[in-house]
N, C-alpha and C. Protein backbone atom coordinates (compact mmCIF):
# COMPACT_ATOMS: atom_id res chain seq x y z
N MET A 1 17.50 17.33 -24.44
CA MET A 1 17.09 16.14 -25.34
C MET A 1 17.45 15.07 -24.60
N LEU A 2 16.77 14.02 -24.57
CA LEU A 2 17.24 12.76 -23.65
C LEU A 2 18.18 11.90 -24.61
N SER A 3 19.13 11.41 -23.80
CA SER A 3 19.87 10.30 -24.74
C SER A 3 19.17 9.11 -24.90
N GLY A 4 19.52 8.40 -26.17
CA GLY A 4 18.86 7.03 -26.31
C GLY A 4 18.86 6.11 -25.02
N GLN A 5 20.01 6.27 -24.15
CA GLN A 5 20.40 5.21 -23.14
C GLN A 5 19.14 5.55 -21.88
N LEU A 6 18.82 6.82 -21.75
CA LEU A 6 17.78 7.38 -20.55
C LEU A 6 16.63 6.87 -21.35
N VAL A 7 16.37 7.29 -22.41
CA VAL A 7 14.97 7.11 -22.88
C VAL A 7 14.82 5.51 -22.80
N GLY A 8 15.43 4.84 -23.00
CA GLY A 8 15.44 3.34 -22.75
C GLY A 8 15.26 2.77 -21.40
N ARG A 9 15.68 3.44 -20.51
CA ARG A 9 15.51 3.05 -19.09
C ARG A 9 14.41 3.40 -18.49
N LEU A 10 13.81 4.82 -19.11
CA LEU A 10 12.56 5.39 -18.80
C LEU A 10 11.43 4.18 -19.11
N PHE A 11 11.53 3.88 -20.38
CA PHE A 11 10.85 3.10 -20.93
C PHE A 11 10.76 1.52 -20.25
N SER A 12 11.86 1.11 -19.63
CA SER A 12 11.69 -0.28 -19.07
C SER A 12 11.27 0.08 -17.80
N MET A 13 11.27 1.20 -17.35
CA MET A 13 10.69 1.44 -15.96
C MET A 13 9.38 1.82 -15.93
N ALA A 14 8.62 2.16 -17.21
CA ALA A 14 7.17 2.36 -17.28
C ALA A 14 6.62 1.35 -17.11
N GLY A 15 6.89 0.04 -17.05
CA GLY A 15 5.95 -1.17 -16.62
C GLY A 15 5.78 -1.24 -15.15
N ARG A 16 6.54 -0.88 -14.29
CA ARG A 16 6.46 -1.16 -12.94
C ARG A 16 6.57 0.43 -12.08
N VAL A 17 5.22 0.62 -11.56
CA VAL A 17 5.08 1.74 -10.92
C VAL A 17 4.78 1.68 -9.41
N CYS A 18 5.59 2.37 -8.71
CA CYS A 18 5.66 2.37 -7.48
C CYS A 18 5.49 3.61 -6.88
N LEU A 19 4.67 3.88 -6.04
CA LEU A 19 4.30 5.40 -5.41
C LEU A 19 4.27 4.97 -3.88
N SER A 20 4.67 6.02 -3.40
CA SER A 20 4.46 5.86 -1.95
C SER A 20 4.40 7.61 -1.52
N ARG A 21 3.38 7.33 -0.38
CA ARG A 21 3.05 8.93 0.42
C ARG A 21 3.57 8.63 1.65
N GLY A 22 4.40 9.48 2.16
CA GLY A 22 5.09 9.33 3.59
C GLY A 22 4.08 9.76 4.43
N SER A 23 4.62 9.59 5.74
CA SER A 23 3.63 10.06 6.91
C SER A 23 2.87 11.44 6.60
N ALA A 24 1.58 11.28 6.67
CA ALA A 24 0.82 12.37 6.58
C ALA A 24 1.43 13.48 5.43
N GLY A 25 1.47 12.74 4.39
CA GLY A 25 2.10 13.71 3.31
C GLY A 25 3.43 14.35 3.56
N SER A 26 4.09 14.09 4.43
CA SER A 26 5.28 14.67 4.71
C SER A 26 6.53 14.37 3.84
N GLY A 27 6.16 13.37 3.06
CA GLY A 27 7.45 13.06 2.17
C GLY A 27 8.25 12.18 2.64
N THR A 28 8.35 11.94 4.08
CA THR A 28 8.97 10.86 4.79
C THR A 28 8.71 9.86 4.98
N ILE A 29 9.54 8.69 4.45
CA ILE A 29 9.36 7.32 4.71
C ILE A 29 10.01 6.84 5.50
N GLY A 30 9.20 6.14 6.69
CA GLY A 30 9.80 5.65 7.94
C GLY A 30 10.27 4.14 7.40
N PRO A 31 10.79 3.76 8.49
CA PRO A 31 11.35 2.15 8.57
C PRO A 31 10.36 1.05 8.31
N VAL A 32 8.97 1.34 9.05
CA VAL A 32 8.15 0.33 8.69
C VAL A 32 7.40 0.37 7.20
N GLU A 33 7.18 1.68 6.90
CA GLU A 33 6.76 1.90 5.37
C GLU A 33 7.85 1.43 4.43
N ALA A 34 9.04 1.39 4.78
CA ALA A 34 10.08 0.94 3.78
C ALA A 34 10.17 -0.71 3.96
N ALA A 35 9.76 -1.27 5.17
CA ALA A 35 10.02 -2.75 5.18
C ALA A 35 8.67 -3.18 4.63
N ILE A 36 7.63 -2.65 4.68
CA ILE A 36 6.15 -3.13 3.99
C ILE A 36 6.72 -3.00 2.37
N ARG A 37 7.07 -1.96 1.89
CA ARG A 37 7.37 -1.80 0.57
C ARG A 37 8.25 -3.01 -0.09
N THR A 38 9.41 -3.18 0.82
CA THR A 38 10.42 -4.15 0.26
C THR A 38 9.82 -5.62 0.22
N LYS A 39 9.28 -5.92 1.20
CA LYS A 39 8.52 -7.30 1.32
C LYS A 39 7.64 -7.66 0.38
N LEU A 40 6.76 -6.56 0.19
CA LEU A 40 5.62 -6.66 -0.90
C LEU A 40 6.32 -6.92 -2.31
N GLU A 41 7.37 -6.18 -2.71
CA GLU A 41 7.96 -6.37 -3.74
C GLU A 41 8.74 -7.69 -4.02
N GLN A 42 9.43 -8.07 -2.86
CA GLN A 42 10.17 -9.19 -3.18
C GLN A 42 8.94 -10.50 -3.19
N ALA A 43 7.81 -10.40 -2.48
CA ALA A 43 6.95 -11.45 -2.23
C ALA A 43 6.06 -11.79 -3.55
N LEU A 44 5.82 -10.38 -4.29
CA LEU A 44 4.97 -10.40 -5.14
C LEU A 44 4.93 -9.92 -6.47
N ASN A 45 6.35 -9.33 -6.60
CA ASN A 45 6.84 -8.84 -7.86
C ASN A 45 5.67 -7.92 -8.37
N PRO A 46 5.25 -6.87 -7.83
CA PRO A 46 4.26 -6.22 -8.38
C PRO A 46 4.43 -5.31 -9.31
N GLU A 47 3.36 -5.22 -10.17
CA GLU A 47 3.57 -3.95 -11.50
C GLU A 47 3.44 -2.86 -10.90
N VAL A 48 2.11 -2.86 -9.91
CA VAL A 48 1.82 -1.45 -9.22
C VAL A 48 2.03 -1.36 -7.76
N LEU A 49 2.72 -0.99 -7.07
CA LEU A 49 2.56 -0.88 -5.55
C LEU A 49 2.64 0.68 -5.10
N GLU A 50 1.27 0.83 -4.60
CA GLU A 50 1.09 2.19 -4.00
C GLU A 50 0.74 2.15 -2.68
N LEU A 51 1.54 2.72 -1.93
CA LEU A 51 1.65 2.49 -0.11
C LEU A 51 1.45 3.87 0.24
N ARG A 52 0.29 3.85 1.10
CA ARG A 52 0.00 5.00 2.01
C ARG A 52 -0.05 4.92 3.36
N ASN A 53 0.84 5.98 4.10
CA ASN A 53 0.69 5.87 5.47
C ASN A 53 -0.37 6.64 5.94
N GLU A 54 -1.31 6.18 6.38
CA GLU A 54 -2.51 7.16 6.85
C GLU A 54 -2.55 7.34 8.73
N SER A 55 -1.44 7.00 9.25
CA SER A 55 -1.45 7.08 10.41
C SER A 55 -1.67 8.63 11.04
N GLY A 56 -1.47 9.43 10.21
CA GLY A 56 -1.52 10.90 10.62
C GLY A 56 -2.71 11.11 10.58
N GLY A 57 -4.04 10.58 10.17
CA GLY A 57 -5.40 10.69 10.32
C GLY A 57 -6.11 9.78 11.53
N HIS A 58 -5.07 9.28 12.36
CA HIS A 58 -5.75 8.76 13.53
C HIS A 58 -5.10 9.37 14.76
N ALA A 59 -5.69 8.74 15.97
CA ALA A 59 -5.13 8.88 17.10
C ALA A 59 -4.01 8.47 17.79
N VAL A 60 -3.11 8.83 17.00
CA VAL A 60 -1.53 8.25 17.40
C VAL A 60 -0.69 9.68 17.43
N PRO A 61 0.54 9.30 17.89
CA PRO A 61 1.55 10.33 18.16
C PRO A 61 2.08 10.68 16.45
N PRO A 62 2.38 11.76 16.22
CA PRO A 62 3.08 12.53 15.13
C PRO A 62 4.36 11.48 14.65
N GLY A 63 4.41 11.11 13.32
CA GLY A 63 5.24 10.12 12.96
C GLY A 63 5.15 8.94 12.96
N SER A 64 3.90 8.45 13.65
CA SER A 64 3.56 7.05 13.64
C SER A 64 3.56 6.12 12.38
N GLU A 65 3.82 4.90 12.44
CA GLU A 65 3.57 4.01 11.38
C GLU A 65 2.88 2.75 11.70
N THR A 66 1.38 3.15 11.90
CA THR A 66 0.54 2.24 12.34
C THR A 66 -0.48 1.84 11.57
N HIS A 67 -1.11 2.80 10.82
CA HIS A 67 -2.18 2.65 9.76
C HIS A 67 -1.94 2.74 8.26
N PHE A 68 -2.08 1.82 7.70
CA PHE A 68 -1.66 1.99 6.31
C PHE A 68 -2.44 1.40 5.07
N ARG A 69 -2.67 1.96 3.98
CA ARG A 69 -3.30 1.33 2.86
C ARG A 69 -2.49 0.99 1.54
N VAL A 70 -2.63 -0.01 1.03
CA VAL A 70 -1.88 -0.63 0.00
C VAL A 70 -2.69 -0.99 -1.09
N ALA A 71 -2.22 -0.66 -2.39
CA ALA A 71 -2.57 -1.36 -3.54
C ALA A 71 -1.62 -2.11 -4.22
N VAL A 72 -1.84 -3.32 -4.33
CA VAL A 72 -1.13 -4.05 -4.96
C VAL A 72 -1.46 -4.76 -6.19
N VAL A 73 -0.87 -4.89 -7.30
CA VAL A 73 -1.17 -5.17 -8.78
C VAL A 73 -0.13 -5.93 -9.01
N SER A 74 -0.32 -7.35 -8.99
CA SER A 74 0.36 -8.63 -9.34
C SER A 74 -0.26 -9.63 -10.15
N SER A 75 0.46 -10.12 -11.14
CA SER A 75 0.01 -11.18 -11.99
C SER A 75 0.16 -12.49 -10.94
N ARG A 76 0.59 -12.90 -9.64
CA ARG A 76 0.41 -13.53 -8.75
C ARG A 76 -1.09 -13.50 -8.41
N PHE A 77 -1.77 -12.73 -8.65
CA PHE A 77 -3.22 -12.70 -7.98
C PHE A 77 -4.12 -13.48 -8.87
N GLU A 78 -3.78 -13.83 -10.20
CA GLU A 78 -4.52 -14.44 -11.36
C GLU A 78 -5.28 -15.59 -10.65
N GLY A 79 -6.17 -15.67 -10.99
CA GLY A 79 -7.20 -16.81 -10.53
C GLY A 79 -7.30 -17.27 -8.96
N LEU A 80 -6.87 -16.29 -8.39
CA LEU A 80 -7.17 -16.31 -6.92
C LEU A 80 -8.15 -15.21 -6.41
N SER A 81 -9.13 -16.05 -5.33
CA SER A 81 -10.19 -15.02 -4.94
C SER A 81 -9.66 -13.98 -3.87
N PRO A 82 -10.38 -12.92 -3.62
CA PRO A 82 -10.02 -12.01 -2.71
C PRO A 82 -9.36 -12.18 -1.54
N LEU A 83 -9.83 -13.43 -0.66
CA LEU A 83 -9.41 -13.69 0.45
C LEU A 83 -7.94 -14.51 0.24
N GLN A 84 -7.91 -15.24 -0.77
CA GLN A 84 -6.56 -15.75 -1.09
C GLN A 84 -5.34 -14.77 -1.29
N ARG A 85 -5.72 -13.67 -1.99
CA ARG A 85 -4.84 -12.48 -2.32
C ARG A 85 -4.28 -11.79 -0.88
N HIS A 86 -5.50 -11.54 -0.26
CA HIS A 86 -4.91 -10.97 1.15
C HIS A 86 -4.26 -11.89 1.88
N ARG A 87 -4.35 -13.18 1.83
CA ARG A 87 -3.66 -14.04 2.73
C ARG A 87 -2.27 -13.93 2.39
N LEU A 88 -1.99 -13.87 0.69
CA LEU A 88 -0.65 -13.74 0.58
C LEU A 88 0.00 -12.22 0.98
N VAL A 89 -0.70 -11.39 1.03
CA VAL A 89 -0.21 -9.92 1.67
C VAL A 89 0.10 -10.00 3.03
N HIS A 90 -0.94 -10.73 3.93
CA HIS A 90 -0.60 -11.02 5.28
C HIS A 90 0.83 -11.86 5.42
N ALA A 91 0.77 -12.90 4.77
CA ALA A 91 2.07 -13.78 4.99
C ALA A 91 3.18 -12.94 4.56
N ALA A 92 3.29 -12.18 3.60
CA ALA A 92 4.61 -11.40 3.40
C ALA A 92 4.68 -10.21 4.50
N LEU A 93 3.85 -9.86 5.16
CA LEU A 93 4.04 -8.67 6.30
C LEU A 93 3.46 -9.26 7.62
N SER A 94 3.55 -10.57 7.78
CA SER A 94 3.17 -11.15 8.95
C SER A 94 4.06 -10.13 10.39
N GLU A 95 5.29 -10.05 10.06
CA GLU A 95 6.14 -9.24 11.18
C GLU A 95 5.53 -8.19 11.66
N GLU A 96 5.22 -7.34 10.68
CA GLU A 96 4.68 -6.08 10.49
C GLU A 96 3.44 -6.24 11.37
N LEU A 97 2.43 -7.11 10.94
CA LEU A 97 0.88 -7.11 11.51
C LEU A 97 1.06 -7.61 12.74
N ALA A 98 2.11 -8.31 13.16
CA ALA A 98 2.06 -8.76 14.66
C ALA A 98 2.76 -7.70 15.54
N GLY A 99 3.36 -6.49 14.71
CA GLY A 99 3.95 -5.69 15.88
C GLY A 99 3.34 -4.23 15.33
N PRO A 100 4.24 -3.42 14.78
CA PRO A 100 3.93 -2.05 14.67
C PRO A 100 2.77 -1.60 13.84
N VAL A 101 2.03 -2.59 12.92
CA VAL A 101 1.09 -2.10 12.09
C VAL A 101 -0.45 -2.45 12.85
N HIS A 102 -1.07 -1.53 12.88
CA HIS A 102 -2.46 -1.70 13.69
C HIS A 102 -3.58 -2.10 12.72
N ALA A 103 -3.54 -1.17 11.71
CA ALA A 103 -4.46 -1.51 10.63
C ALA A 103 -3.86 -1.44 9.14
N LEU A 104 -4.22 -2.40 8.40
CA LEU A 104 -3.85 -2.39 6.89
C LEU A 104 -4.97 -2.74 6.01
N ALA A 105 -5.50 -1.70 5.14
CA ALA A 105 -6.29 -1.72 4.28
C ALA A 105 -5.59 -2.29 2.86
N ILE A 106 -6.20 -3.37 2.14
CA ILE A 106 -5.43 -4.09 1.02
C ILE A 106 -6.52 -3.91 -0.24
N GLN A 107 -5.66 -3.28 -1.19
CA GLN A 107 -6.46 -3.46 -2.76
C GLN A 107 -5.49 -4.43 -3.52
N ALA A 108 -6.07 -5.68 -3.67
CA ALA A 108 -5.07 -6.70 -4.29
C ALA A 108 -5.57 -7.02 -5.64
N ARG A 109 -5.14 -6.58 -6.87
CA ARG A 109 -5.80 -6.80 -8.18
C ARG A 109 -5.00 -7.40 -8.87
N THR A 110 -5.43 -7.98 -9.94
CA THR A 110 -4.67 -8.33 -11.22
C THR A 110 -4.41 -7.22 -12.06
N PRO A 111 -3.75 -7.41 -13.02
CA PRO A 111 -3.15 -6.00 -13.95
C PRO A 111 -4.65 -5.80 -14.66
N ALA A 112 -5.20 -6.79 -15.25
CA ALA A 112 -6.67 -6.41 -15.88
C ALA A 112 -7.43 -5.53 -14.91
N GLN A 113 -7.58 -5.94 -13.79
CA GLN A 113 -8.60 -5.27 -12.86
C GLN A 113 -8.01 -3.88 -12.49
N TRP A 114 -6.54 -3.53 -12.50
CA TRP A 114 -5.97 -2.44 -12.35
C TRP A 114 -6.31 -1.39 -13.45
N ARG A 115 -6.26 -1.75 -14.64
CA ARG A 115 -6.17 -0.85 -15.61
C ARG A 115 -7.66 -0.64 -15.78
N GLU A 116 -8.87 -1.35 -15.37
CA GLU A 116 -10.35 -0.82 -15.09
C GLU A 116 -10.44 0.21 -14.34
N ASN A 117 -9.95 0.25 -13.10
CA ASN A 117 -10.01 1.30 -12.14
C ASN A 117 -8.50 1.28 -11.63
N PRO A 118 -7.70 2.18 -11.96
CA PRO A 118 -6.34 2.38 -11.41
C PRO A 118 -6.14 3.58 -10.41
N GLN A 119 -7.08 3.23 -9.38
CA GLN A 119 -7.04 4.14 -8.12
C GLN A 119 -6.99 3.51 -6.76
N LEU A 120 -6.44 4.17 -5.93
CA LEU A 120 -6.33 3.63 -4.47
C LEU A 120 -7.56 4.18 -3.90
N ASP A 121 -8.22 3.32 -3.26
CA ASP A 121 -9.66 3.72 -2.21
C ASP A 121 -9.04 4.83 -1.42
N ALA A 122 -10.12 5.49 -0.96
CA ALA A 122 -9.96 6.40 0.34
C ALA A 122 -10.33 5.77 1.43
N SER A 123 -9.68 6.01 2.83
CA SER A 123 -10.29 5.25 3.70
C SER A 123 -11.02 6.41 4.32
N PRO A 124 -12.17 5.78 5.24
CA PRO A 124 -13.22 6.62 6.00
C PRO A 124 -12.44 7.61 7.07
N PRO A 125 -13.17 8.65 7.59
CA PRO A 125 -12.26 9.26 8.37
C PRO A 125 -12.58 8.54 9.90
N CYS A 126 -11.31 8.70 10.69
CA CYS A 126 -11.03 8.04 11.89
C CYS A 126 -12.30 8.40 12.78
N LEU A 127 -12.94 7.57 13.73
CA LEU A 127 -13.88 7.87 14.50
C LEU A 127 -13.02 8.18 15.99
N GLY A 128 -11.82 8.38 16.18
CA GLY A 128 -11.20 8.72 17.35
C GLY A 128 -10.92 7.66 18.45
N GLY A 129 -11.20 6.48 17.89
CA GLY A 129 -10.62 5.53 18.91
C GLY A 129 -11.70 5.06 19.97
N SER A 130 -13.00 5.74 19.90
CA SER A 130 -13.67 5.70 20.99
C SER A 130 -14.62 4.42 20.97
N LYS A 131 -14.83 3.79 19.78
CA LYS A 131 -15.46 2.81 19.60
C LYS A 131 -16.87 2.81 19.28
N LYS A 132 -17.36 4.49 19.16
CA LYS A 132 -18.57 4.81 18.74
C LYS A 132 -18.62 4.63 17.16
N THR A 133 -20.08 4.45 17.07
CA THR A 133 -20.53 4.30 15.64
C THR A 133 -20.85 5.41 15.24
N ARG A 134 -20.77 5.78 13.77
CA ARG A 134 -21.07 6.91 13.26
C ARG A 134 -22.62 7.15 13.51
N GLY A 135 -23.19 8.35 13.80
CA GLY A 135 -24.43 8.75 14.17
C GLY A 135 -24.72 8.41 15.44
N THR A 136 -24.02 7.95 16.33
CA THR A 136 -24.37 7.78 17.84
C THR A 136 -23.78 8.86 18.78
N PRO A 137 -24.43 9.40 19.65
CA PRO A 137 -23.83 10.42 20.49
C PRO A 137 -22.65 9.95 21.25
């Protein structure tokens, strides 16, 4: 049976959901991923922050932290265009985007938008860095 204090803590945490999937599903969170999480939490106070390291699906060495997908749900996005929302995310992660992060897919939604569709989009498969387009030999 759960104590009243523990139940109260669980309910207070229920309003904020933060998920992370480590490198290629390994469960390990690296320093770049941890920095991204911390900076987005500080800058945007998100209700939901889903962060996925997708580096393992690209032509990079194992354990890399170069390709990420993030879903950020924040009331700070109310009244802002998608471009303005992305700029807020980019500003928070300027150091990472100037260095180790090669690609960042962003879903920046308001709480109401997230309630309508609470899913992190999937990335298309990597083309292998060959600059070929799909369907070209």
